[in-house]
């Protein structure tokens, strides 16, 4: 039951969180590679940092954007892990049952 609810909420939040996270990742990687591999100066790569750090939103809105993006990322990780069953009791039971079935054959 809880997996179904998490799946619904995960499906709702994913499209909202995707774009800010995608932009943050792309601009962060582009900045670092541009500076290290392509020899861009800080002035040339500054626009990437402005986008990466959401400076275009202003000092009043930027902290909320960063907070909501962080919460969204944590939410997606938690719900994804819960849905995967990685740490669930059922996963352990399935492994035990499959080992018992193999030894009985």
PDB file of N, CA and C in Angstrom:
ATOM      1  N   UNK A   1       0.819  -1.206   0.000  1.00  0.00           N
ATOM      2  CA  UNK A   1       0.000   0.000   0.000  1.00  0.00           C
ATOM      3  C   UNK A   1       0.858   1.264   0.000  1.00  0.00           C
ATOM      4  N   UNK A   2       1.881   1.269   0.861  1.00  0.00           N
ATOM      5  CA  UNK A   2       2.726   2.472   0.955  1.00  0.00           C
ATOM      6  C   UNK A   2       3.521   2.664  -0.345  1.00  0.00           C
ATOM      7  N   UNK A   3       3.912   1.565  -0.999  1.00  0.00           N
ATOM      8  CA  UNK A   3       4.644   1.691  -2.264  1.00  0.00           C
ATOM      9  C   UNK A   3       3.774   2.340  -3.333  1.00  0.00           C
ATOM     10  N   UNK A   4       2.493   2.013  -3.348  1.00  0.00           N
ATOM     11  CA  UNK A   4       1.588   2.604  -4.331  1.00  0.00           C
ATOM     12  C   UNK A   4       1.448   4.103  -4.104  1.00  0.00           C
ATOM     13  N   UNK A   5       1.328   4.510  -2.843  1.00  0.00           N
ATOM     14  CA  UNK A   5       1.204   5.936  -2.522  1.00  0.00           C
ATOM     15  C   UNK A   5       2.490   6.681  -2.886  1.00  0.00           C
ATOM     16  N   UNK A   6       3.634   6.083  -2.540  1.00  0.00           N
ATOM     17  CA  UNK A   6       4.915   6.695  -2.895  1.00  0.00           C
ATOM     18  C   UNK A   6       5.057   6.798  -4.410  1.00  0.00           C
ATOM     19  N   UNK A   7       4.616   5.768  -5.120  1.00  0.00           N
ATOM     20  CA  UNK A   7       4.710   5.782  -6.586  1.00  0.00           C
ATOM     21  C   UNK A   7       3.892   6.940  -7.168  1.00  0.00           C
ATOM     22  N   UNK A   8       2.689   7.155  -6.629  1.00  0.00           N
ATOM     23  CA  UNK A   8       1.845   8.259  -7.099  1.00  0.00           C
ATOM     24  C   UNK A   8       2.503   9.605  -6.812  1.00  0.00           C
ATOM     25  N   UNK A   9       2.997   9.782  -5.589  1.00  0.00           N
ATOM     26  CA  UNK A   9       3.633  11.049  -5.229  1.00  0.00           C
ATOM     27  C   UNK A   9       4.943  11.253  -5.994  1.00  0.00           C
ATOM     28  N   UNK A  10       5.680  10.184  -6.199  1.00  0.00           N
ATOM     29  CA  UNK A  10       6.923  10.246  -6.967  1.00  0.00           C
ATOM     30  C   UNK A  10       6.634  10.700  -8.396  1.00  0.00           C
ATOM     31  N   UNK A  11       5.565  10.150  -8.971  1.00  0.00           N
ATOM     32  CA  UNK A  11       5.174  10.494 -10.336  1.00  0.00           C
ATOM     33  C   UNK A  11       4.752  11.960 -10.443  1.00  0.00           C
ATOM     34  N   UNK A  12       4.151  12.511  -9.392  1.00  0.00           N
ATOM     35  CA  UNK A  12       3.722  13.905  -9.401  1.00  0.00           C
ATOM     36  C   UNK A  12       4.909  14.844  -9.255  1.00  0.00           C
ATOM     37  N   UNK A  13       5.812  14.520  -8.343  1.00  0.00           N
ATOM     38  CA  UNK A  13       6.930  15.418  -8.023  1.00  0.00           C
ATOM     39  C   UNK A  13       8.034  15.361  -9.081  1.00  0.00           C
ATOM     40  N   UNK A  14       8.235  14.219  -9.712  1.00  0.00           N
ATOM     41  CA  UNK A  14       9.354  14.035 -10.648  1.00  0.00           C
ATOM     42  C   UNK A  14       9.428  15.096 -11.753  1.00  0.00           C
ATOM     43  N   UNK A  15       8.341  15.387 -12.455  1.00  0.00           N
ATOM     44  CA  UNK A  15       8.455  16.392 -13.519  1.00  0.00           C
ATOM     45  C   UNK A  15       8.774  17.796 -12.988  1.00  0.00           C
ATOM     46  N   UNK A  16       8.335  18.078 -11.780  1.00  0.00           N
ATOM     47  CA  UNK A  16       8.584  19.401 -11.190  1.00  0.00           C
ATOM     48  C   UNK A  16      10.048  19.551 -10.802  1.00  0.00           C
ATOM     49  N   UNK A  17      10.629  18.503 -10.263  1.00  0.00           N
ATOM     50  CA  UNK A  17      12.004  18.548  -9.758  1.00  0.00           C
ATOM     51  C   UNK A  17      13.025  18.326 -10.874  1.00  0.00           C
ATOM     52  N   UNK A  18      12.608  17.676 -11.941  1.00  0.00           N
ATOM     53  CA  UNK A  18      13.549  17.307 -12.996  1.00  0.00           C
ATOM     54  C   UNK A  18      14.291  18.504 -13.585  1.00  0.00           C
ATOM     55  N   UNK A  19      13.577  19.515 -14.024  1.00  0.00           N
ATOM     56  CA  UNK A  19      14.212  20.627 -14.724  1.00  0.00           C
ATOM     57  C   UNK A  19      15.235  21.375 -13.860  1.00  0.00           C
ATOM     58  N   UNK A  20      14.895  21.775 -12.616  1.00  0.00           N
ATOM     59  CA  UNK A  20      15.917  22.452 -11.810  1.00  0.00           C
ATOM     60  C   UNK A  20      17.150  21.581 -11.552  1.00  0.00           C
ATOM     61  N   UNK A  21      16.944  20.294 -11.282  1.00  0.00           N
ATOM     62  CA  UNK A  21      18.089  19.417 -11.039  1.00  0.00           C
ATOM     63  C   UNK A  21      18.915  19.218 -12.303  1.00  0.00           C
ATOM     64  N   UNK A  22      18.240  19.064 -13.422  1.00  0.00           N
ATOM     65  CA  UNK A  22      18.936  18.874 -14.691  1.00  0.00           C
ATOM     66  C   UNK A  22      19.782  20.100 -15.037  1.00  0.00           C
ATOM     67  N   UNK A  23      19.213  21.272 -14.877  1.00  0.00           N
ATOM     68  CA  UNK A  23      19.942  22.512 -15.172  1.00  0.00           C
ATOM     69  C   UNK A  23      21.136  22.661 -14.237  1.00  0.00           C
ATOM     70  N   UNK A  24      20.944  22.344 -12.958  1.00  0.00           N
ATOM     71  CA  UNK A  24      22.033  22.442 -11.991  1.00  0.00           C
ATOM     72  C   UNK A  24      23.172  21.495 -12.341  1.00  0.00           C
ATOM     73  N   UNK A  25      22.846  20.269 -12.689  1.00  0.00           N
ATOM     74  CA  UNK A  25      23.877  19.285 -13.037  1.00  0.00           C
ATOM     75  C   UNK A  25      24.609  19.693 -14.310  1.00  0.00           C
ATOM     76  N   UNK A  26      23.874  20.052 -15.342  1.00  0.00           N
ATOM     77  CA  UNK A  26      24.499  20.389 -16.626  1.00  0.00           C
ATOM     78  C   UNK A  26      25.403  21.610 -16.499  1.00  0.00           C
ATOM     79  N   UNK A  27      24.932  22.649 -15.830  1.00  0.00           N
ATOM     80  CA  UNK A  27      25.758  23.854 -15.706  1.00  0.00           C
ATOM     81  C   UNK A  27      26.957  23.626 -14.791  1.00  0.00           C
ATOM     82  N   UNK A  28      26.802  22.815 -13.751  1.00  0.00           N
ATOM     83  CA  UNK A  28      27.930  22.507 -12.868  1.00  0.00           C
ATOM     84  C   UNK A  28      29.017  21.728 -13.586  1.00  0.00           C
ATOM     85  N   UNK A  29      28.609  20.722 -14.331  1.00  0.00           N
ATOM     86  CA  UNK A  29      29.579  19.929 -15.088  1.00  0.00           C
ATOM     87  C   UNK A  29      30.204  20.771 -16.203  1.00  0.00           C
ATOM     88  N   UNK A  30      29.409  21.551 -16.893  1.00  0.00           N
ATOM     89  CA  UNK A  30      29.933  22.396 -17.972  1.00  0.00           C
ATOM     90  C   UNK A  30      30.933  23.420 -17.426  1.00  0.00           C
ATOM     91  N   UNK A  31      30.639  23.976 -16.260  1.00  0.00           N
ATOM     92  CA  UNK A  31      31.566  24.938 -15.657  1.00  0.00           C
ATOM     93  C   UNK A  31      32.906  24.270 -15.348  1.00  0.00           C
ATOM     94  N   UNK A  32      32.838  23.128 -14.662  1.00  0.00           N
ATOM     95  CA  UNK A  32      34.081  22.468 -14.255  1.00  0.00           C
ATOM     96  C   UNK A  32      34.882  21.997 -15.465  1.00  0.00           C
ATOM     97  N   UNK A  33      34.228  21.381 -16.440  1.00  0.00           N
ATOM     98  CA  UNK A  33      34.945  20.932 -17.633  1.00  0.00           C
ATOM     99  C   UNK A  33      35.456  22.109 -18.454  1.00  0.00           C
ATOM    100  N   UNK A  34      34.678  23.154 -18.545  1.00  0.00           N
ATOM    101  CA  UNK A  34      35.107  24.344 -19.275  1.00  0.00           C
ATOM    102  C   UNK A  34      36.346  24.972 -18.670  1.00  0.00           C
ATOM    103  N   UNK A  35      36.378  25.027 -17.361  1.00  0.00           N
ATOM    104  CA  UNK A  35      37.540  25.624 -16.680  1.00  0.00           C
ATOM    105  C   UNK A  35      38.763  24.709 -16.765  1.00  0.00           C
ATOM    106  N   UNK A  36      38.576  23.419 -16.519  1.00  0.00           N
ATOM    107  CA  UNK A  36      39.720  22.506 -16.457  1.00  0.00           C
ATOM    108  C   UNK A  36      40.183  22.023 -17.824  1.00  0.00           C
ATOM    109  N   UNK A  37      39.271  21.595 -18.672  1.00  0.00           N
ATOM    110  CA  UNK A  37      39.656  20.983 -19.943  1.00  0.00           C
ATOM    111  C   UNK A  37      39.782  21.990 -21.082  1.00  0.00           C
ATOM    112  N   UNK A  38      38.917  22.980 -21.092  1.00  0.00           N
ATOM    113  CA  UNK A  38      38.891  23.898 -22.233  1.00  0.00           C
ATOM    114  C   UNK A  38      39.513  25.257 -21.938  1.00  0.00           C
ATOM    115  N   UNK A  39      40.029  25.434 -20.739  1.00  0.00           N
ATOM    116  CA  UNK A  39      40.774  26.639 -20.399  1.00  0.00           C
ATOM    117  C   UNK A  39      39.958  27.920 -20.358  1.00  0.00           C
ATOM    118  N   UNK A  40      38.669  27.810 -20.053  1.00  0.00           N
ATOM    119  CA  UNK A  40      37.862  29.031 -19.944  1.00  0.00           C
ATOM    120  C   UNK A  40      38.280  29.827 -18.711  1.00  0.00           C
ATOM    121  N   UNK A  41      38.282  31.142 -18.851  1.00  0.00           N
ATOM    122  CA  UNK A  41      38.568  31.979 -17.694  1.00  0.00           C
ATOM    123  C   UNK A  41      37.324  32.065 -16.817  1.00  0.00           C
ATOM    124  N   UNK A  42      37.505  32.604 -15.610  1.00  0.00           N
ATOM    125  CA  UNK A  42      36.345  32.757 -14.716  1.00  0.00           C
ATOM    126  C   UNK A  42      35.305  33.667 -15.344  1.00  0.00           C
ATOM    127  N   UNK A  43      35.751  34.679 -16.047  1.00  0.00           N
ATOM    128  CA  UNK A  43      34.815  35.599 -16.693  1.00  0.00           C
ATOM    129  C   UNK A  43      34.017  34.906 -17.807  1.00  0.00           C
ATOM    130  N   UNK A  44      34.673  34.055 -18.556  1.00  0.00           N
ATOM    131  CA  UNK A  44      33.991  33.349 -19.634  1.00  0.00           C
ATOM    132  C   UNK A  44      32.977  32.338 -19.098  1.00  0.00           C
ATOM    133  N   UNK A  45      33.305  31.698 -17.992  1.00  0.00           N
ATOM    134  CA  UNK A  45      32.442  30.655 -17.441  1.00  0.00           C
ATOM    135  C   UNK A  45      31.471  31.198 -16.392  1.00  0.00           C
ATOM    136  N   UNK A  46      31.512  32.491 -16.134  1.00  0.00           N
ATOM    137  CA  UNK A  46      30.677  33.081 -15.082  1.00  0.00           C
ATOM    138  C   UNK A  46      29.181  32.860 -15.330  1.00  0.00           C
ATOM    139  N   UNK A  47      28.749  32.917 -16.566  1.00  0.00           N
ATOM    140  CA  UNK A  47      27.324  32.738 -16.872  1.00  0.00           C
ATOM    141  C   UNK A  47      26.847  31.348 -16.429  1.00  0.00           C
ATOM    142  N   UNK A  48      27.719  30.351 -16.545  1.00  0.00           N
ATOM    143  CA  UNK A  48      27.354  29.008 -16.090  1.00  0.00           C
ATOM    144  C   UNK A  48      27.143  28.973 -14.578  1.00  0.00           C
ATOM    145  N   UNK A  49      27.979  29.703 -13.844  1.00  0.00           N
ATOM    146  CA  UNK A  49      27.814  29.745 -12.382  1.00  0.00           C
ATOM    147  C   UNK A  49      26.571  30.539 -11.981  1.00  0.00           C
ATOM    148  N   UNK A  50      26.251  31.565 -12.732  1.00  0.00           N
ATOM    149  CA  UNK A  50      25.033  32.333 -12.455  1.00  0.00           C
ATOM    150  C   UNK A  50      23.812  31.426 -12.581  1.00  0.00           C
ATOM    151  N   UNK A  51      23.788  30.617 -13.616  1.00  0.00           N
ATOM    152  CA  UNK A  51      22.669  29.692 -13.805  1.00  0.00           C
ATOM    153  C   UNK A  51      22.726  28.582 -12.761  1.00  0.00           C
ATOM    154  N   UNK A  52      23.903  28.021 -12.528  1.00  0.00           N
ATOM    155  CA  UNK A  52      24.070  26.912 -11.588  1.00  0.00           C
ATOM    156  C   UNK A  52      23.621  27.285 -10.176  1.00  0.00           C
ATOM    157  N   UNK A  53      23.972  28.469  -9.744  1.00  0.00           N
ATOM    158  CA  UNK A  53      23.649  28.913  -8.385  1.00  0.00           C
ATOM    159  C   UNK A  53      22.333  29.675  -8.302  1.00  0.00           C
ATOM    160  N   UNK A  54      21.609  29.768  -9.394  1.00  0.00           N
ATOM    161  CA  UNK A  54      20.297  30.434  -9.461  1.00  0.00           C
ATOM    162  C   UNK A  54      20.380  31.899  -9.020  1.00  0.00           C
ATOM    163  N   UNK A  55      21.479  32.561  -9.345  1.00  0.00           N
ATOM    164  CA  UNK A  55      21.645  33.970  -8.980  1.00  0.00           C
ATOM    165  C   UNK A  55      20.661  34.865  -9.718  1.00  0.00           C
ATOM    166  N   UNK A  56      20.159  34.400 -10.848  1.00  0.00           N
ATOM    167  CA  UNK A  56      19.209  35.187 -11.637  1.00  0.00           C
ATOM    168  C   UNK A  56      17.880  35.382 -10.902  1.00  0.00           C
ATOM    169  N   UNK A  57      17.623  34.605  -9.855  1.00  0.00           N
ATOM    170  CA  UNK A  57      16.373  34.737  -9.099  1.00  0.00           C
ATOM    171  C   UNK A  57      16.419  35.862  -8.070  1.00  0.00           C
ATOM    172  N   UNK A  58      17.612  36.332  -7.741  1.00  0.00           N
ATOM    173  CA  UNK A  58      17.735  37.394  -6.746  1.00  0.00           C
ATOM    174  C   UNK A  58      17.971  36.809  -5.361  1.00  0.00           C
ATOM    175  N   UNK A  59      18.410  37.663  -4.464  1.00  0.00           N
ATOM    176  CA  UNK A  59      18.770  37.214  -3.117  1.00  0.00           C
ATOM    177  C   UNK A  59      17.571  36.819  -2.265  1.00  0.00           C
ATOM    178  N   UNK A  60      16.385  37.306  -2.603  1.00  0.00           N
ATOM    179  CA  UNK A  60      15.204  36.995  -1.802  1.00  0.00           C
ATOM    180  C   UNK A  60      14.632  35.619  -2.138  1.00  0.00           C
ATOM    181  N   UNK A  61      14.633  35.252  -3.402  1.00  0.00           N
ATOM    182  CA  UNK A  61      13.993  34.009  -3.846  1.00  0.00           C
ATOM    183  C   UNK A  61      14.981  32.839  -3.885  1.00  0.00           C
ATOM    184  N   UNK A  62      16.244  33.126  -4.117  1.00  0.00           N
ATOM    185  CA  UNK A  62      17.257  32.084  -4.286  1.00  0.00           C
ATOM    186  C   UNK A  62      17.295  31.080  -3.131  1.00  0.00           C
ATOM    187  N   UNK A  63      17.273  31.488  -1.863  1.00  0.00           N
ATOM    188  CA  UNK A  63      17.305  30.486  -0.779  1.00  0.00           C
ATOM    189  C   UNK A  63      16.116  29.528  -0.814  1.00  0.00           C
ATOM    190  N   UNK A  64      14.940  30.016  -1.169  1.00  0.00           N
ATOM    191  CA  UNK A  64      13.763  29.145  -1.257  1.00  0.00           C
ATOM    192  C   UNK A  64      13.902  28.159  -2.410  1.00  0.00           C
ATOM    193  N   UNK A  65      14.424  28.639  -3.526  1.00  0.00           N
ATOM    194  CA  UNK A  65      14.653  27.772  -4.686  1.00  0.00           C
ATOM    195  C   UNK A  65      15.615  26.652  -4.327  1.00  0.00           C
ATOM    196  N   UNK A  66      16.720  27.008  -3.677  1.00  0.00           N
ATOM    197  CA  UNK A  66      17.722  26.013  -3.291  1.00  0.00           C
ATOM    198  C   UNK A  66      17.119  25.028  -2.288  1.00  0.00           C
ATOM    199  N   UNK A  67      16.367  25.526  -1.319  1.00  0.00           N
ATOM    200  CA  UNK A  67      15.737  24.660  -0.325  1.00  0.00           C
ATOM    201  C   UNK A  67      14.748  23.698  -0.973  1.00  0.00           C
ATOM    202  N   UNK A  68      13.883  24.210  -1.823  1.00  0.00           N
ATOM    203  CA  UNK A  68      12.885  23.359  -2.466  1.00  0.00           C
ATOM    204  C   UNK A  68      13.521  22.343  -3.415  1.00  0.00           C
ATOM    205  N   UNK A  69      14.569  22.747  -4.105  1.00  0.00           N
ATOM    206  CA  UNK A  69      15.270  21.819  -4.989  1.00  0.00           C
ATOM    207  C   UNK A  69      15.929  20.705  -4.171  1.00  0.00           C
ATOM    208  N   UNK A  70      16.534  21.065  -3.058  1.00  0.00           N
ATOM    209  CA  UNK A  70      17.148  20.065  -2.182  1.00  0.00           C
ATOM    210  C   UNK A  70      16.131  19.106  -1.588  1.00  0.00           C
ATOM    211  N   UNK A  71      15.019  19.640  -1.121  1.00  0.00           N
ATOM    212  CA  UNK A  71      13.956  18.796  -0.581  1.00  0.00           C
ATOM    213  C   UNK A  71      13.407  17.882  -1.672  1.00  0.00           C
ATOM    214  N   UNK A  72      13.247  18.426  -2.872  1.00  0.00           N
ATOM    215  CA  UNK A  72      12.763  17.618  -3.991  1.00  0.00           C
ATOM    216  C   UNK A  72      13.705  16.475  -4.313  1.00  0.00           C
ATOM    217  N   UNK A  73      15.008  16.743  -4.293  1.00  0.00           N
ATOM    218  CA  UNK A  73      15.992  15.696  -4.567  1.00  0.00           C
ATOM    219  C   UNK A  73      15.941  14.613  -3.498  1.00  0.00           C
ATOM    220  N   UNK A  74      15.894  15.017  -2.239  1.00  0.00           N
ATOM    221  CA  UNK A  74      15.817  14.044  -1.149  1.00  0.00           C
ATOM    222  C   UNK A  74      14.529  13.222  -1.262  1.00  0.00           C
ATOM    223  N   UNK A  75      13.417  13.876  -1.582  1.00  0.00           N
ATOM    224  CA  UNK A  75      12.145  13.180  -1.741  1.00  0.00           C
ATOM    225  C   UNK A  75      12.232  12.130  -2.846  1.00  0.00           C
ATOM    226  N   UNK A  76      12.817  12.507  -3.969  1.00  0.00           N
ATOM    227  CA  UNK A  76      12.920  11.571  -5.082  1.00  0.00           C
ATOM    228  C   UNK A  76      13.808  10.377  -4.719  1.00  0.00           C
ATOM    229  N   UNK A  77      14.884  10.627  -3.986  1.00  0.00           N
ATOM    230  CA  UNK A  77      15.754   9.537  -3.561  1.00  0.00           C
ATOM    231  C   UNK A  77      15.045   8.591  -2.603  1.00  0.00           C
ATOM    232  N   UNK A  78      14.371   9.157  -1.597  1.00  0.00           N
ATOM    233  CA  UNK A  78      13.694   8.331  -0.595  1.00  0.00           C
ATOM    234  C   UNK A  78      12.584   7.507  -1.234  1.00  0.00           C
ATOM    235  N   UNK A  79      11.728   8.153  -2.018  1.00  0.00           N
ATOM    236  CA  UNK A  79      10.627   7.410  -2.622  1.00  0.00           C
ATOM    237  C   UNK A  79      11.143   6.383  -3.623  1.00  0.00           C
ATOM    238  N   UNK A  80      12.197   6.712  -4.342  1.00  0.00           N
ATOM    239  CA  UNK A  80      12.779   5.758  -5.278  1.00  0.00           C
ATOM    240  C   UNK A  80      13.352   4.542  -4.576  1.00  0.00           C
ATOM    241  N   UNK A  81      14.025   4.761  -3.459  1.00  0.00           N
ATOM    242  CA  UNK A  81      14.584   3.641  -2.693  1.00  0.00           C
ATOM    243  C   UNK A  81      13.477   2.780  -2.109  1.00  0.00           C
ATOM    244  N   UNK A  82      12.442   3.430  -1.576  1.00  0.00           N
ATOM    245  CA  UNK A  82      11.320   2.665  -1.004  1.00  0.00           C
ATOM    246  C   UNK A  82      10.646   1.837  -2.088  1.00  0.00           C
ATOM    247  N   UNK A  83      10.417   2.424  -3.250  1.00  0.00           N
ATOM    248  CA  UNK A  83       9.759   1.691  -4.333  1.00  0.00           C
ATOM    249  C   UNK A  83      10.627   0.548  -4.856  1.00  0.00           C
ATOM    250  N   UNK A  84      11.937   0.713  -4.816  1.00  0.00           N
ATOM    251  CA  UNK A  84      12.820  -0.334  -5.321  1.00  0.00           C
ATOM    252  C   UNK A  84      12.816  -1.558  -4.419  1.00  0.00           C
ATOM    253  N   UNK A  85      12.451  -1.382  -3.159  1.00  0.00           N
ATOM    254  CA  UNK A  85      12.456  -2.496  -2.226  1.00  0.00           C
ATOM    255  C   UNK A  85      13.851  -2.900  -1.803  1.00  0.00           C
ATOM    256  N   UNK A  86      14.817  -2.021  -2.010  1.00  0.00           N
ATOM    257  CA  UNK A  86      16.211  -2.312  -1.717  1.00  0.00           C
ATOM    258  C   UNK A  86      16.437  -2.673  -0.257  1.00  0.00           C
ATOM    259  N   UNK A  87      15.744  -1.964   0.644  1.00  0.00           N
ATOM    260  CA  UNK A  87      15.929  -2.201   2.065  1.00  0.00           C
ATOM    261  C   UNK A  87      14.693  -2.812   2.722  1.00  0.00           C
ATOM    262  N   UNK A  88      13.809  -3.344   1.927  1.00  0.00           N
ATOM    263  CA  UNK A  88      12.559  -3.879   2.453  1.00  0.00           C
ATOM    264  C   UNK A  88      12.709  -5.286   3.021  1.00  0.00           C
ATOM    265  N   UNK A  89      11.782  -5.653   3.875  1.00  0.00           N
ATOM    266  CA  UNK A  89      11.762  -6.991   4.457  1.00  0.00           C
ATOM    267  C   UNK A  89      11.428  -8.038   3.410  1.00  0.00           C
ATOM    268  N   UNK A  90      10.591  -7.690   2.452  1.00  0.00           N
ATOM    269  CA  UNK A  90      10.196  -8.636   1.415  1.00  0.00           C
ATOM    270  C   UNK A  90      11.386  -9.106   0.594  1.00  0.00           C
ATOM    271  N   UNK A  91      12.334  -8.235   0.371  1.00  0.00           N
ATOM    272  CA  UNK A  91      13.516  -8.583  -0.408  1.00  0.00           C
ATOM    273  C   UNK A  91      14.293  -9.695   0.295  1.00  0.00           C
ATOM    274  N   UNK A  92      14.458  -9.556   1.617  1.00  0.00           N
ATOM    275  CA  UNK A  92      15.172 -10.561   2.378  1.00  0.00           C
ATOM    276  C   UNK A  92      14.411 -11.880   2.397  1.00  0.00           C
ATOM    277  N   UNK A  93      13.099 -11.814   2.542  1.00  0.00           N
ATOM    278  CA  UNK A  93      12.282 -13.027   2.544  1.00  0.00           C
ATOM    279  C   UNK A  93      12.362 -13.744   1.208  1.00  0.00           C
ATOM    280  N   UNK A  94      12.359 -12.986   0.120  1.00  0.00           N
ATOM    281  CA  UNK A  94      12.447 -13.591  -1.205  1.00  0.00           C
ATOM    282  C   UNK A  94      13.775 -14.312  -1.381  1.00  0.00           C
ATOM    283  N   UNK A  95      14.867 -13.706  -0.891  1.00  0.00           N
ATOM    284  CA  UNK A  95      16.178 -14.336  -0.996  1.00  0.00           C
ATOM    285  C   UNK A  95      16.217 -15.629  -0.194  1.00  0.00           C
ATOM    286  N   UNK A  96      15.667 -15.592   1.012  1.00  0.00           N
ATOM    287  CA  UNK A  96      15.651 -16.778   1.856  1.00  0.00           C
ATOM    288  C   UNK A  96      14.822 -17.871   1.211  1.00  0.00           C
ATOM    289  N   UNK A  97      13.639 -17.519   0.704  1.00  0.00           N
ATOM    290  CA  UNK A  97      12.764 -18.499   0.063  1.00  0.00           C
ATOM    291  C   UNK A  97      13.418 -19.095  -1.183  1.00  0.00           C
ATOM    292  N   UNK A  98      14.102 -18.291  -1.962  1.00  0.00           N
ATOM    293  CA  UNK A  98      14.726 -18.794  -3.173  1.00  0.00           C
ATOM    294  C   UNK A  98      15.886 -19.743  -2.825  1.00  0.00           C
ATOM    295  N   UNK A  99      16.599 -19.453  -1.728  1.00  0.00           N
ATOM    296  CA  UNK A  99      17.680 -20.352  -1.311  1.00  0.00           C
ATOM    297  C   UNK A  99      17.119 -21.677  -0.818  1.00  0.00           C
ATOM    298  N   UNK A 100      16.006 -21.624  -0.086  1.00  0.00           N
ATOM    299  CA  UNK A 100      15.375 -22.838   0.408  1.00  0.00           C
ATOM    300  C   UNK A 100      14.882 -23.681  -0.754  1.00  0.00           C
ATOM    301  N   UNK A 101      14.272 -23.060  -1.742  1.00  0.00           N
ATOM    302  CA  UNK A 101      13.760 -23.779  -2.912  1.00  0.00           C
ATOM    303  C   UNK A 101      14.896 -24.420  -3.703  1.00  0.00           C
ATOM    304  N   UNK A 102      16.022 -23.774  -3.805  1.00  0.00           N
ATOM    305  CA  UNK A 102      17.148 -24.303  -4.560  1.00  0.00           C
ATOM    306  C   UNK A 102      17.731 -25.512  -3.834  1.00  0.00           C
ATOM    307  N   UNK A 103      17.866 -25.443  -2.517  1.00  0.00           N
ATOM    308  CA  UNK A 103      18.434 -26.553  -1.764  1.00  0.00           C
ATOM    309  C   UNK A 103      17.519 -27.758  -1.711  1.00  0.00           C
ATOM    310  N   UNK A 104      16.200 -27.542  -1.815  1.00  0.00           N
ATOM    311  CA  UNK A 104      15.247 -28.640  -1.794  1.00  0.00           C
ATOM    312  C   UNK A 104      15.217 -29.399  -3.105  1.00  0.00           C
ATOM    313  N   UNK A 105      15.627 -28.765  -4.187  1.00  0.00           N
ATOM    314  CA  UNK A 105      15.550 -29.401  -5.522  1.00  0.00           C
ATOM    315  C   UNK A 105      16.553 -30.496  -5.699  1.00  0.00           C
TER     316      UNK A 105
END
